[in-house]
Protein backbone atom coordinates (compact mmCIF):
# COMPACT_ATOMS: atom_id res chain seq x y z
CA MET A 1 9.20 -37.11 -6.18
CA LYS A 2 8.86 -34.24 -8.60
CA ALA A 3 9.24 -35.02 -12.32
CA ILE A 4 12.65 -33.38 -12.40
CA GLU A 5 13.81 -35.60 -9.42
CA VAL A 6 12.78 -38.75 -11.29
CA LEU A 7 14.66 -37.60 -14.30
CA GLU A 8 17.80 -36.59 -12.40
CA LYS A 9 17.73 -40.13 -10.78
CA ALA A 10 17.32 -41.77 -14.21
CA ILE A 11 20.30 -39.83 -15.58
CA SER A 12 22.45 -40.76 -12.56
CA LEU A 13 21.51 -44.48 -13.07
CA LEU A 14 22.46 -44.10 -16.79
CA GLU A 15 25.79 -42.50 -15.97
CA HIS A 16 26.53 -45.22 -13.41
CA LYS A 17 25.61 -47.95 -15.85
CA ASP A 18 22.80 -49.35 -13.66
CA LEU A 19 20.35 -50.71 -16.42
CA ASP A 20 18.28 -52.59 -13.98
CA GLY A 21 17.77 -49.51 -11.73
CA PHE A 22 17.12 -47.39 -14.87
CA MET A 23 14.50 -49.81 -16.12
CA GLY A 24 12.83 -49.74 -12.68
CA LEU A 25 12.08 -46.08 -13.22
CA LEU A 26 10.12 -46.75 -16.49
CA THR A 27 6.42 -47.83 -16.65
CA GLU A 28 5.76 -51.16 -18.20
CA ASP A 29 4.12 -49.51 -21.20
CA CYS A 30 6.62 -46.57 -21.48
CA VAL A 31 7.23 -45.31 -24.97
CA ILE A 32 10.20 -43.45 -26.46
CA MET A 33 9.69 -41.40 -29.66
CA LYS A 34 11.87 -39.33 -32.06
CA ASP A 35 11.19 -35.95 -33.56
CA ASP A 36 8.65 -36.96 -36.16
CA GLY A 37 6.73 -39.33 -33.87
CA GLU A 38 8.64 -42.48 -34.88
CA VAL A 39 8.36 -44.94 -31.99
CA LEU A 40 11.82 -46.24 -31.10
CA ALA A 41 10.64 -48.56 -28.37
CA ARG A 42 7.51 -49.37 -26.47
CA GLY A 43 7.23 -51.55 -23.39
CA THR A 44 9.68 -53.14 -21.08
CA ALA A 45 11.25 -55.66 -23.51
CA GLN A 46 11.77 -53.13 -26.34
CA LEU A 47 13.04 -50.44 -24.00
CA HIS A 48 15.56 -52.94 -22.52
CA ASN A 49 16.82 -53.84 -25.99
CA PHE A 50 16.95 -50.21 -26.93
CA TYR A 51 18.99 -49.08 -23.84
CA THR A 52 21.30 -52.14 -23.49
CA PRO A 53 23.81 -50.88 -26.18
CA ILE A 54 23.62 -47.35 -24.70
CA PHE A 55 24.51 -48.58 -21.15
CA GLY A 56 27.24 -50.91 -22.61
CA GLY A 57 28.79 -48.62 -25.21
CA GLN A 58 28.81 -45.15 -23.62
CA ALA A 59 31.55 -45.43 -20.96
CA ASP A 60 32.27 -41.67 -20.80
CA LEU A 61 28.80 -40.27 -21.39
CA LYS A 62 27.81 -37.43 -19.09
CA ILE A 63 24.39 -35.72 -19.46
CA GLU A 64 23.98 -32.06 -18.51
CA LEU A 65 20.50 -30.78 -17.87
CA GLY A 66 19.89 -27.38 -19.26
CA ASP A 67 16.82 -25.16 -19.52
CA GLN A 68 13.62 -26.89 -18.32
CA PHE A 69 9.95 -26.30 -18.00
CA SER A 70 7.50 -28.44 -16.18
CA THR A 71 3.77 -28.46 -15.48
CA GLY A 72 2.29 -31.22 -13.35
CA SER A 73 3.64 -34.58 -14.51
CA VAL A 74 5.14 -33.28 -17.78
CA ILE A 75 8.64 -31.91 -17.99
CA ALA A 76 10.54 -30.56 -21.03
CA VAL A 77 14.31 -30.30 -20.64
CA ARG A 78 17.41 -29.54 -22.75
CA GLU A 79 19.90 -32.34 -22.44
CA ILE A 80 23.55 -31.80 -23.44
CA ASN A 81 25.13 -35.23 -23.90
CA HIS A 82 28.92 -34.82 -23.35
CA ASP A 83 31.35 -37.48 -24.74
CA MET A 84 28.70 -39.48 -26.54
CA ASN A 85 30.33 -42.15 -28.54
CA VAL A 86 28.83 -41.88 -31.95
CA ASP A 87 30.24 -44.51 -34.41
CA GLY A 88 33.55 -44.30 -32.47
CA VAL A 89 33.81 -40.60 -32.38
CA MET A 90 33.29 -38.66 -29.18
CA LYS A 91 30.71 -35.96 -29.75
CA GLU A 92 28.55 -33.42 -27.82
CA VAL A 93 24.95 -33.93 -28.74
CA ASP A 94 22.33 -31.33 -27.85
CA THR A 95 18.69 -32.35 -27.65
CA VAL A 96 15.37 -31.51 -26.05
CA TRP A 97 13.32 -34.12 -24.33
CA VAL A 98 9.70 -34.15 -23.13
CA TYR A 99 8.87 -36.62 -20.45
CA LYS A 100 5.73 -37.64 -18.66
CA VAL A 101 6.14 -38.96 -15.15
CA ILE A 102 3.40 -40.93 -13.47
CA ASN A 103 3.63 -42.32 -9.92
CA ASN A 104 7.42 -41.55 -9.84
CA LYS A 105 8.03 -43.49 -13.07
CA ILE A 106 8.67 -42.32 -16.61
CA ALA A 107 5.80 -43.19 -18.88
CA TYR A 108 6.63 -41.17 -21.97
CA MET A 109 9.86 -39.85 -23.58
CA HIS A 110 9.93 -37.84 -26.80
CA VAL A 111 13.36 -36.56 -28.11
CA PHE A 112 13.66 -33.50 -30.42
CA SER A 113 16.94 -32.94 -32.19
CA PRO A 114 18.11 -29.59 -33.64
CA ASP A 115 19.47 -31.16 -36.76
CA GLN A 116 19.75 -34.45 -38.56
CA GLU A 117 23.20 -35.18 -37.25
CA SER A 118 21.92 -35.10 -33.70
CA SER A 119 18.93 -37.23 -34.63
CA ASP A 120 21.19 -39.78 -36.32
CA ALA A 121 23.41 -39.89 -33.22
CA LEU A 122 20.59 -41.39 -31.23
CA ASP A 123 20.08 -44.10 -33.81
CA SER A 124 23.79 -44.84 -33.83
CA VAL A 125 24.18 -45.30 -30.19
CA SER A 126 21.13 -47.53 -29.72
CA ASN A 127 21.94 -50.04 -32.45
């Protein structure tokens, strides 16, 4: 699969609340980072703990993929998160993600937010 196909499958699994299927698309040492390089989770156990509240608390979340650029195993994509439940308020959160896909699995995720409110939204939904 191309990197974008792996990403599209991951988003579909997230929207269908299939945490186990989603986790199966991540490498065992996958890492997710925020804007400034802060590591949010690394490895299967931490990623499972990070994504559990997202899968459980985002009933209406839909993710739209916008502009994207890829080269080899790396893809940068704009993600528009529609109906993200942020502290009980439904919001649209616009971010840019960089992914590295190795052997059809996501090995690296780095989110960049346009403002502090969008950055805080990610913290809110994963806690």
